[in-house]
PDB file of N, CA and C in Angstrom:
ATOM      1  N   MET A   1     -26.326   0.569 -25.860  1.00  0.00           N
ATOM      2  CA  MET A   1     -26.912   0.217 -24.583  1.00  0.00           C
ATOM      3  C   MET A   1     -26.008  -0.743 -23.830  1.00  0.00           C
ATOM      4  N   ALA A   2     -26.271  -0.873 -22.562  1.00  0.00           N
ATOM      5  CA  ALA A   2     -25.442  -1.724 -21.711  1.00  0.00           C
ATOM      6  C   ALA A   2     -25.615  -3.194 -22.050  1.00  0.00           C
ATOM      7  N   ALA A   3     -26.772  -3.571 -22.569  1.00  0.00           N
ATOM      8  CA  ALA A   3     -27.015  -4.969 -22.889  1.00  0.00           C
ATOM      9  C   ALA A   3     -26.210  -5.418 -24.096  1.00  0.00           C
ATOM     10  N   ASP A   4     -25.742  -4.478 -24.924  1.00  0.00           N
ATOM     11  CA  ASP A   4     -24.992  -4.827 -26.122  1.00  0.00           C
ATOM     12  C   ASP A   4     -23.518  -5.097 -25.836  1.00  0.00           C
ATOM     13  N   LYS A   5     -23.013  -4.698 -24.693  1.00  0.00           N
ATOM     14  CA  LYS A   5     -21.599  -4.878 -24.386  1.00  0.00           C
ATOM     15  C   LYS A   5     -21.300  -6.328 -24.045  1.00  0.00           C
ATOM     16  N   ASN A   6     -20.089  -6.742 -24.361  1.00  0.00           N
ATOM     17  CA  ASN A   6     -19.644  -8.096 -24.054  1.00  0.00           C
ATOM     18  C   ASN A   6     -18.921  -8.057 -22.707  1.00  0.00           C
ATOM     19  N   TRP A   7     -19.579  -8.468 -21.655  1.00  0.00           N
ATOM     20  CA  TRP A   7     -19.013  -8.407 -20.304  1.00  0.00           C
ATOM     21  C   TRP A   7     -18.196  -9.643 -19.955  1.00  0.00           C
ATOM     22  N   THR A   8     -18.123 -10.632 -20.844  1.00  0.00           N
ATOM     23  CA  THR A   8     -17.346 -11.820 -20.520  1.00  0.00           C
ATOM     24  C   THR A   8     -15.847 -11.542 -20.555  1.00  0.00           C
ATOM     25  N   ASP A   9     -15.401 -10.529 -21.300  1.00  0.00           N
ATOM     26  CA  ASP A   9     -13.984 -10.205 -21.368  1.00  0.00           C
ATOM     27  C   ASP A   9     -13.522  -9.376 -20.175  1.00  0.00           C
ATOM     28  N   TYR A  10     -14.431  -8.839 -19.434  1.00  0.00           N
ATOM     29  CA  TYR A  10     -14.114  -7.939 -18.330  1.00  0.00           C
ATOM     30  C   TYR A  10     -13.929  -8.745 -17.062  1.00  0.00           C
ATOM     31  N   ASP A  11     -12.677  -8.855 -16.605  1.00  0.00           N
ATOM     32  CA  ASP A  11     -12.369  -9.608 -15.388  1.00  0.00           C
ATOM     33  C   ASP A  11     -11.950  -8.613 -14.312  1.00  0.00           C
ATOM     34  N   ASP A  12     -12.791  -8.418 -13.308  1.00  0.00           N
ATOM     35  CA  ASP A  12     -12.481  -7.469 -12.241  1.00  0.00           C
ATOM     36  C   ASP A  12     -12.676  -8.122 -10.882  1.00  0.00           C
ATOM     37  N   SER A  13     -12.172  -9.334 -10.748  1.00  0.00           N
ATOM     38  CA  SER A  13     -12.250  -9.979  -9.446  1.00  0.00           C
ATOM     39  C   SER A  13     -11.256  -9.304  -8.512  1.00  0.00           C
ATOM     40  N   GLY A  14     -11.366  -9.572  -7.247  1.00  0.00           N
ATOM     41  CA  GLY A  14     -10.527  -8.903  -6.257  1.00  0.00           C
ATOM     42  C   GLY A  14      -9.049  -9.144  -6.462  1.00  0.00           C
ATOM     43  N   SER A  15      -8.662 -10.384  -6.715  1.00  0.00           N
ATOM     44  CA  SER A  15      -7.237 -10.677  -6.851  1.00  0.00           C
ATOM     45  C   SER A  15      -6.657 -10.107  -8.138  1.00  0.00           C
ATOM     46  N   SER A  16      -7.402 -10.156  -9.234  1.00  0.00           N
ATOM     47  CA  SER A  16      -6.866  -9.615 -10.484  1.00  0.00           C
ATOM     48  C   SER A  16      -6.764  -8.098 -10.422  1.00  0.00           C
ATOM     49  N   LYS A  17      -7.706  -7.460  -9.779  1.00  0.00           N
ATOM     50  CA  LYS A  17      -7.646  -6.002  -9.626  1.00  0.00           C
ATOM     51  C   LYS A  17      -6.461  -5.614  -8.747  1.00  0.00           C
ATOM     52  N   PHE A  18      -6.227  -6.359  -7.668  1.00  0.00           N
ATOM     53  CA  PHE A  18      -5.098  -6.088  -6.788  1.00  0.00           C
ATOM     54  C   PHE A  18      -3.778  -6.277  -7.525  1.00  0.00           C
ATOM     55  N   MET A  19      -3.666  -7.339  -8.313  1.00  0.00           N
ATOM     56  CA  MET A  19      -2.427  -7.599  -9.046  1.00  0.00           C
ATOM     57  C   MET A  19      -2.181  -6.523 -10.099  1.00  0.00           C
ATOM     58  N   ARG A  20      -3.230  -6.051 -10.755  1.00  0.00           N
ATOM     59  CA  ARG A  20      -3.094  -4.986 -11.753  1.00  0.00           C
ATOM     60  C   ARG A  20      -2.618  -3.701 -11.076  1.00  0.00           C
ATOM     61  N   LYS A  21      -3.211  -3.361  -9.941  1.00  0.00           N
ATOM     62  CA  LYS A  21      -2.813  -2.161  -9.207  1.00  0.00           C
ATOM     63  C   LYS A  21      -1.387  -2.297  -8.671  1.00  0.00           C
ATOM     64  N   ALA A  22      -1.008  -3.493  -8.248  1.00  0.00           N
ATOM     65  CA  ALA A  22       0.338  -3.715  -7.729  1.00  0.00           C
ATOM     66  C   ALA A  22       1.382  -3.547  -8.827  1.00  0.00           C
ATOM     67  N   ARG A  23       1.063  -3.948 -10.046  1.00  0.00           N
ATOM     68  CA  ARG A  23       1.990  -3.741 -11.153  1.00  0.00           C
ATOM     69  C   ARG A  23       2.098  -2.266 -11.512  1.00  0.00           C
ATOM     70  N   GLU A  24       0.989  -1.536 -11.428  1.00  0.00           N
ATOM     71  CA  GLU A  24       1.007  -0.112 -11.767  1.00  0.00           C
ATOM     72  C   GLU A  24       1.787   0.694 -10.742  1.00  0.00           C
ATOM     73  N   SER A  25       1.596   0.415  -9.469  1.00  0.00           N
ATOM     74  CA  SER A  25       2.318   1.135  -8.412  1.00  0.00           C
ATOM     75  C   SER A  25       2.775   0.124  -7.363  1.00  0.00           C
ATOM     76  N   PRO A  26       4.031  -0.303  -7.433  1.00  0.00           N
ATOM     77  CA  PRO A  26       4.507  -1.395  -6.581  1.00  0.00           C
ATOM     78  C   PRO A  26       4.639  -1.045  -5.105  1.00  0.00           C
ATOM     79  N   PHE A  27       4.578   0.224  -4.732  1.00  0.00           N
ATOM     80  CA  PHE A  27       4.752   0.571  -3.330  1.00  0.00           C
ATOM     81  C   PHE A  27       3.444   0.497  -2.541  1.00  0.00           C
ATOM     82  N   VAL A  28       2.318   0.318  -3.222  1.00  0.00           N
ATOM     83  CA  VAL A  28       1.034   0.167  -2.517  1.00  0.00           C
ATOM     84  C   VAL A  28       1.015  -1.124  -1.699  1.00  0.00           C
ATOM     85  N   PRO A  29       1.362  -2.276  -2.283  1.00  0.00           N
ATOM     86  CA  PRO A  29       1.391  -3.499  -1.454  1.00  0.00           C
ATOM     87  C   PRO A  29       2.440  -3.437  -0.351  1.00  0.00           C
ATOM     88  N   VAL A  30       3.556  -2.734  -0.591  1.00  0.00           N
ATOM     89  CA  VAL A  30       4.580  -2.592   0.437  1.00  0.00           C
ATOM     90  C   VAL A  30       4.019  -1.804   1.619  1.00  0.00           C
ATOM     91  N   GLY A  31       3.304  -0.725   1.331  1.00  0.00           N
ATOM     92  CA  GLY A  31       2.690   0.071   2.392  1.00  0.00           C
ATOM     93  C   GLY A  31       1.635  -0.697   3.149  1.00  0.00           C
ATOM     94  N   MET A  32       0.828  -1.475   2.419  1.00  0.00           N
ATOM     95  CA  MET A  32      -0.208  -2.277   3.078  1.00  0.00           C
ATOM     96  C   MET A  32       0.412  -3.346   3.969  1.00  0.00           C
ATOM     97  N   ALA A  33       1.453  -4.008   3.462  1.00  0.00           N
ATOM     98  CA  ALA A  33       2.099  -5.057   4.254  1.00  0.00           C
ATOM     99  C   ALA A  33       2.777  -4.472   5.492  1.00  0.00           C
ATOM    100  N   GLY A  34       3.421  -3.335   5.338  1.00  0.00           N
ATOM    101  CA  GLY A  34       4.060  -2.698   6.486  1.00  0.00           C
ATOM    102  C   GLY A  34       3.058  -2.264   7.532  1.00  0.00           C
ATOM    103  N   CYS A  35       1.934  -1.723   7.080  1.00  0.00           N
ATOM    104  CA  CYS A  35       0.882  -1.314   8.010  1.00  0.00           C
ATOM    105  C   CYS A  35       0.353  -2.523   8.785  1.00  0.00           C
ATOM    106  N   LEU A  36       0.091  -3.603   8.079  1.00  0.00           N
ATOM    107  CA  LEU A  36      -0.392  -4.810   8.742  1.00  0.00           C
ATOM    108  C   LEU A  36       0.648  -5.381   9.707  1.00  0.00           C
ATOM    109  N   ALA A  37       1.922  -5.306   9.333  1.00  0.00           N
ATOM    110  CA  ALA A  37       2.979  -5.813  10.214  1.00  0.00           C
ATOM    111  C   ALA A  37       3.074  -4.984  11.490  1.00  0.00           C
ATOM    112  N   ILE A  38       2.961  -3.667  11.361  1.00  0.00           N
ATOM    113  CA  ILE A  38       3.036  -2.811  12.550  1.00  0.00           C
ATOM    114  C   ILE A  38       1.840  -3.038  13.454  1.00  0.00           C
ATOM    115  N   VAL A  39       0.663  -3.191  12.865  1.00  0.00           N
ATOM    116  CA  VAL A  39      -0.533  -3.452  13.672  1.00  0.00           C
ATOM    117  C   VAL A  39      -0.426  -4.807  14.371  1.00  0.00           C
ATOM    118  N   ALA A  40       0.068  -5.825  13.654  1.00  0.00           N
ATOM    119  CA  ALA A  40       0.227  -7.147  14.269  1.00  0.00           C
ATOM    120  C   ALA A  40       1.244  -7.092  15.412  1.00  0.00           C
ATOM    121  N   TYR A  41       2.340  -6.375  15.214  1.00  0.00           N
ATOM    122  CA  TYR A  41       3.343  -6.234  16.267  1.00  0.00           C
ATOM    123  C   TYR A  41       2.755  -5.503  17.476  1.00  0.00           C
ATOM    124  N   GLY A  42       1.979  -4.460  17.221  1.00  0.00           N
ATOM    125  CA  GLY A  42       1.357  -3.716  18.316  1.00  0.00           C
ATOM    126  C   GLY A  42       0.368  -4.561  19.097  1.00  0.00           C
ATOM    127  N   LEU A  43      -0.371  -5.398  18.383  1.00  0.00           N
ATOM    128  CA  LEU A  43      -1.314  -6.274  19.069  1.00  0.00           C
ATOM    129  C   LEU A  43      -0.595  -7.357  19.876  1.00  0.00           C
ATOM    130  N   MET A  44       0.553  -7.813  19.369  1.00  0.00           N
ATOM    131  CA  MET A  44       1.323  -8.796  20.131  1.00  0.00           C
ATOM    132  C   MET A  44       1.860  -8.182  21.417  1.00  0.00           C
ATOM    133  N   LYS A  45       2.285  -6.935  21.356  1.00  0.00           N
ATOM    134  CA  LYS A  45       2.854  -6.259  22.514  1.00  0.00           C
ATOM    135  C   LYS A  45       1.789  -5.652  23.425  1.00  0.00           C
ATOM    136  N   LEU A  46       0.537  -5.901  23.137  1.00  0.00           N
ATOM    137  CA  LEU A  46      -0.547  -5.309  23.914  1.00  0.00           C
ATOM    138  C   LEU A  46      -0.536  -5.777  25.368  1.00  0.00           C
ATOM    139  N   LYS A  47      -0.216  -7.047  25.588  1.00  0.00           N
ATOM    140  CA  LYS A  47      -0.222  -7.581  26.959  1.00  0.00           C
ATOM    141  C   LYS A  47       0.964  -7.070  27.774  1.00  0.00           C
ATOM    142  N   SER A  48       2.069  -6.789  27.109  1.00  0.00           N
ATOM    143  CA  SER A  48       3.263  -6.383  27.843  1.00  0.00           C
ATOM    144  C   SER A  48       3.483  -4.871  27.768  1.00  0.00           C
ATOM    145  N   ARG A  49       2.415  -4.113  27.728  1.00  0.00           N
ATOM    146  CA  ARG A  49       2.545  -2.657  27.617  1.00  0.00           C
ATOM    147  C   ARG A  49       2.839  -2.000  28.958  1.00  0.00           C
ATOM    148  N   GLY A  50       2.795  -2.747  30.037  1.00  0.00           N
ATOM    149  CA  GLY A  50       3.090  -2.205  31.360  1.00  0.00           C
ATOM    150  C   GLY A  50       1.946  -1.350  31.867  1.00  0.00           C
ATOM    151  N   ASN A  51       2.272  -0.201  32.425  1.00  0.00           N
ATOM    152  CA  ASN A  51       1.233   0.648  32.984  1.00  0.00           C
ATOM    153  C   ASN A  51       0.779   1.736  32.001  1.00  0.00           C
ATOM    154  N   THR A  52       1.112   1.556  30.725  1.00  0.00           N
ATOM    155  CA  THR A  52       0.679   2.500  29.697  1.00  0.00           C
ATOM    156  C   THR A  52      -0.808   2.310  29.434  1.00  0.00           C
ATOM    157  N   LYS A  53      -1.520   3.413  29.285  1.00  0.00           N
ATOM    158  CA  LYS A  53      -2.947   3.315  28.992  1.00  0.00           C
ATOM    159  C   LYS A  53      -3.165   2.684  27.622  1.00  0.00           C
ATOM    160  N   MET A  54      -4.324   2.046  27.482  1.00  0.00           N
ATOM    161  CA  MET A  54      -4.668   1.403  26.218  1.00  0.00           C
ATOM    162  C   MET A  54      -4.740   2.437  25.095  1.00  0.00           C
ATOM    163  N   SER A  55      -5.327   3.595  25.372  1.00  0.00           N
ATOM    164  CA  SER A  55      -5.479   4.608  24.319  1.00  0.00           C
ATOM    165  C   SER A  55      -4.129   5.115  23.835  1.00  0.00           C
ATOM    166  N   VAL A  56      -3.179   5.274  24.730  1.00  0.00           N
ATOM    167  CA  VAL A  56      -1.843   5.733  24.342  1.00  0.00           C
ATOM    168  C   VAL A  56      -1.150   4.675  23.490  1.00  0.00           C
ATOM    169  N   HIS A  57      -1.299   3.426  23.882  1.00  0.00           N
ATOM    170  CA  HIS A  57      -0.712   2.334  23.108  1.00  0.00           C
ATOM    171  C   HIS A  57      -1.305   2.294  21.700  1.00  0.00           C
ATOM    172  N   LEU A  58      -2.606   2.435  21.585  1.00  0.00           N
ATOM    173  CA  LEU A  58      -3.243   2.411  20.270  1.00  0.00           C
ATOM    174  C   LEU A  58      -2.850   3.621  19.427  1.00  0.00           C
ATOM    175  N   ILE A  59      -2.684   4.766  20.053  1.00  0.00           N
ATOM    176  CA  ILE A  59      -2.250   5.955  19.316  1.00  0.00           C
ATOM    177  C   ILE A  59      -0.835   5.755  18.774  1.00  0.00           C
ATOM    178  N   HIS A  60       0.050   5.187  19.588  1.00  0.00           N
ATOM    179  CA  HIS A  60       1.410   4.921  19.116  1.00  0.00           C
ATOM    180  C   HIS A  60       1.400   3.938  17.954  1.00  0.00           C
ATOM    181  N   MET A  61       0.561   2.928  18.045  1.00  0.00           N
ATOM    182  CA  MET A  61       0.455   1.951  16.971  1.00  0.00           C
ATOM    183  C   MET A  61      -0.056   2.611  15.691  1.00  0.00           C
ATOM    184  N   ARG A  62      -1.052   3.481  15.819  1.00  0.00           N
ATOM    185  CA  ARG A  62      -1.615   4.169  14.658  1.00  0.00           C
ATOM    186  C   ARG A  62      -0.594   5.096  14.019  1.00  0.00           C
ATOM    187  N   VAL A  63       0.141   5.825  14.836  1.00  0.00           N
ATOM    188  CA  VAL A  63       1.149   6.747  14.305  1.00  0.00           C
ATOM    189  C   VAL A  63       2.247   5.980  13.577  1.00  0.00           C
ATOM    190  N   GLY A  64       2.654   4.852  14.123  1.00  0.00           N
ATOM    191  CA  GLY A  64       3.665   4.031  13.456  1.00  0.00           C
ATOM    192  C   GLY A  64       3.180   3.508  12.114  1.00  0.00           C
ATOM    193  N   ALA A  65       1.940   3.024  12.071  1.00  0.00           N
ATOM    194  CA  ALA A  65       1.392   2.509  10.819  1.00  0.00           C
ATOM    195  C   ALA A  65       1.232   3.632   9.796  1.00  0.00           C
ATOM    196  N   GLN A  66       0.749   4.787  10.230  1.00  0.00           N
ATOM    197  CA  GLN A  66       0.604   5.906   9.306  1.00  0.00           C
ATOM    198  C   GLN A  66       1.955   6.397   8.809  1.00  0.00           C
ATOM    199  N   GLY A  67       2.939   6.405   9.667  1.00  0.00           N
ATOM    200  CA  GLY A  67       4.275   6.811   9.248  1.00  0.00           C
ATOM    201  C   GLY A  67       4.843   5.887   8.191  1.00  0.00           C
ATOM    202  N   PHE A  68       4.610   4.590   8.359  1.00  0.00           N
ATOM    203  CA  PHE A  68       5.095   3.636   7.360  1.00  0.00           C
ATOM    204  C   PHE A  68       4.388   3.852   6.030  1.00  0.00           C
ATOM    205  N   ILE A  69       3.091   4.102   6.063  1.00  0.00           N
ATOM    206  CA  ILE A  69       2.341   4.317   4.829  1.00  0.00           C
ATOM    207  C   ILE A  69       2.788   5.604   4.138  1.00  0.00           C
ATOM    208  N   VAL A  70       2.995   6.663   4.901  1.00  0.00           N
ATOM    209  CA  VAL A  70       3.466   7.918   4.303  1.00  0.00           C
ATOM    210  C   VAL A  70       4.854   7.725   3.691  1.00  0.00           C
ATOM    211  N   GLY A  71       5.703   6.977   4.351  1.00  0.00           N
ATOM    212  CA  GLY A  71       7.022   6.676   3.797  1.00  0.00           C
ATOM    213  C   GLY A  71       6.933   5.886   2.500  1.00  0.00           C
ATOM    214  N   ALA A  72       6.055   4.887   2.455  1.00  0.00           N
ATOM    215  CA  ALA A  72       5.883   4.102   1.239  1.00  0.00           C
ATOM    216  C   ALA A  72       5.310   4.960   0.114  1.00  0.00           C
ATOM    217  N   MET A  73       4.380   5.852   0.450  1.00  0.00           N
ATOM    218  CA  MET A  73       3.826   6.747  -0.575  1.00  0.00           C
ATOM    219  C   MET A  73       4.902   7.691  -1.103  1.00  0.00           C
ATOM    220  N   THR A  74       5.751   8.201  -0.224  1.00  0.00           N
ATOM    221  CA  THR A  74       6.826   9.092  -0.648  1.00  0.00           C
ATOM    222  C   THR A  74       7.793   8.371  -1.573  1.00  0.00           C
ATOM    223  N   LEU A  75       8.164   7.146  -1.210  1.00  0.00           N
ATOM    224  CA  LEU A  75       9.044   6.371  -2.081  1.00  0.00           C
ATOM    225  C   LEU A  75       8.381   6.077  -3.424  1.00  0.00           C
ATOM    226  N   GLY A  76       7.086   5.809  -3.406  1.00  0.00           N
ATOM    227  CA  GLY A  76       6.366   5.557  -4.654  1.00  0.00           C
ATOM    228  C   GLY A  76       6.334   6.771  -5.559  1.00  0.00           C
ATOM    229  N   VAL A  77       6.123   7.944  -4.985  1.00  0.00           N
ATOM    230  CA  VAL A  77       6.127   9.173  -5.788  1.00  0.00           C
ATOM    231  C   VAL A  77       7.521   9.445  -6.337  1.00  0.00           C
ATOM    232  N   MET A  78       8.526   9.247  -5.514  1.00  0.00           N
ATOM    233  CA  MET A  78       9.897   9.460  -5.987  1.00  0.00           C
ATOM    234  C   MET A  78      10.242   8.480  -7.106  1.00  0.00           C
ATOM    235  N   TYR A  79       9.808   7.237  -6.979  1.00  0.00           N
ATOM    236  CA  TYR A  79      10.053   6.235  -8.009  1.00  0.00           C
ATOM    237  C   TYR A  79       9.356   6.598  -9.314  1.00  0.00           C
ATOM    238  N   SER A  80       8.105   7.028  -9.225  1.00  0.00           N
ATOM    239  CA  SER A  80       7.392   7.389 -10.452  1.00  0.00           C
ATOM    240  C   SER A  80       7.986   8.642 -11.088  1.00  0.00           C
ATOM    241  N   MET A  81       8.437   9.601 -10.270  1.00  0.00           N
ATOM    242  CA  MET A  81       9.104  10.782 -10.827  1.00  0.00           C
ATOM    243  C   MET A  81      10.413  10.399 -11.498  1.00  0.00           C
ATOM    244  N   TYR A  82      11.149   9.471 -10.906  1.00  0.00           N
ATOM    245  CA  TYR A  82      12.383   8.999 -11.525  1.00  0.00           C
ATOM    246  C   TYR A  82      12.094   8.350 -12.871  1.00  0.00           C
ATOM    247  N   LYS A  83      11.097   7.475 -12.897  1.00  0.00           N
ATOM    248  CA  LYS A  83      10.760   6.800 -14.151  1.00  0.00           C
ATOM    249  C   LYS A  83      10.329   7.792 -15.225  1.00  0.00           C
ATOM    250  N   GLU A  84       9.609   8.822 -14.830  1.00  0.00           N
ATOM    251  CA  GLU A  84       9.063   9.756 -15.818  1.00  0.00           C
ATOM    252  C   GLU A  84      10.096  10.772 -16.288  1.00  0.00           C
ATOM    253  N   TYR A  85      10.943  11.277 -15.389  1.00  0.00           N
ATOM    254  CA  TYR A  85      11.810  12.387 -15.740  1.00  0.00           C
ATOM    255  C   TYR A  85      13.280  12.041 -15.873  1.00  0.00           C
ATOM    256  N   LEU A  86      13.797  11.116 -15.087  1.00  0.00           N
ATOM    257  CA  LEU A  86      15.246  10.891 -15.056  1.00  0.00           C
ATOM    258  C   LEU A  86      15.696   9.605 -15.716  1.00  0.00           C
ATOM    259  N   ALA A  87      14.842   8.607 -15.788  1.00  0.00           N
ATOM    260  CA  ALA A  87      15.243   7.333 -16.356  1.00  0.00           C
ATOM    261  C   ALA A  87      15.528   7.497 -17.849  1.00  0.00           C
ATOM    262  N   PRO A  88      16.524   6.788 -18.368  1.00  0.00           N
ATOM    263  CA  PRO A  88      16.800   6.900 -19.804  1.00  0.00           C
ATOM    264  C   PRO A  88      15.619   6.367 -20.618  1.00  0.00           C
ATOM    265  N   LYS A  89      15.260   7.135 -21.621  1.00  0.00           N
ATOM    266  CA  LYS A  89      14.120   6.755 -22.475  1.00  0.00           C
ATOM    267  C   LYS A  89      14.618   5.875 -23.602  1.00  0.00           C
ATOM    268  N   ASP A  90      13.791   4.928 -24.002  1.00  0.00           N
ATOM    269  CA  ASP A  90      14.087   4.072 -25.137  1.00  0.00           C
ATOM    270  C   ASP A  90      13.680   4.807 -26.408  1.00  0.00           C
ATOM    271  N   PRO A  91      14.633   5.167 -27.264  1.00  0.00           N
ATOM    272  CA  PRO A  91      14.265   5.940 -28.461  1.00  0.00           C
ATOM    273  C   PRO A  91      13.471   5.114 -29.476  1.00  0.00           C
ATOM    274  N   GLY A  92      13.478   3.803 -29.330  1.00  0.00           N
ATOM    275  CA  GLY A  92      12.746   2.950 -30.266  1.00  0.00           C
ATOM    276  C   GLY A  92      11.247   2.948 -30.050  1.00  0.00           C
ATOM    277  N   LYS A  93      10.777   3.483 -28.926  1.00  0.00           N
ATOM    278  CA  LYS A  93       9.350   3.444 -28.638  1.00  0.00           C
ATOM    279  C   LYS A  93       8.661   4.675 -29.081  1.00  0.00           C
TER     280      LYS A  93
END
């Protein structure tokens, strides 16, 4: 039953879960940081957008952020494929 389990050993706070996920796949935090940086840059440039419509500006910002995330995901997949298939294996393990 669930009452018999020892839940004191289970640490799943937000920061520990994020750090565990970041160690497993290091390109996730890179993608998140890049997305946030692009959004922050777009918001800073919001006042100086000239005669561009707000919707067009937001679409450009979204496309830039999505492009950065797709790039980070692609690099992450390539890195994991390298580790799994091409990296030299330790025969002692």
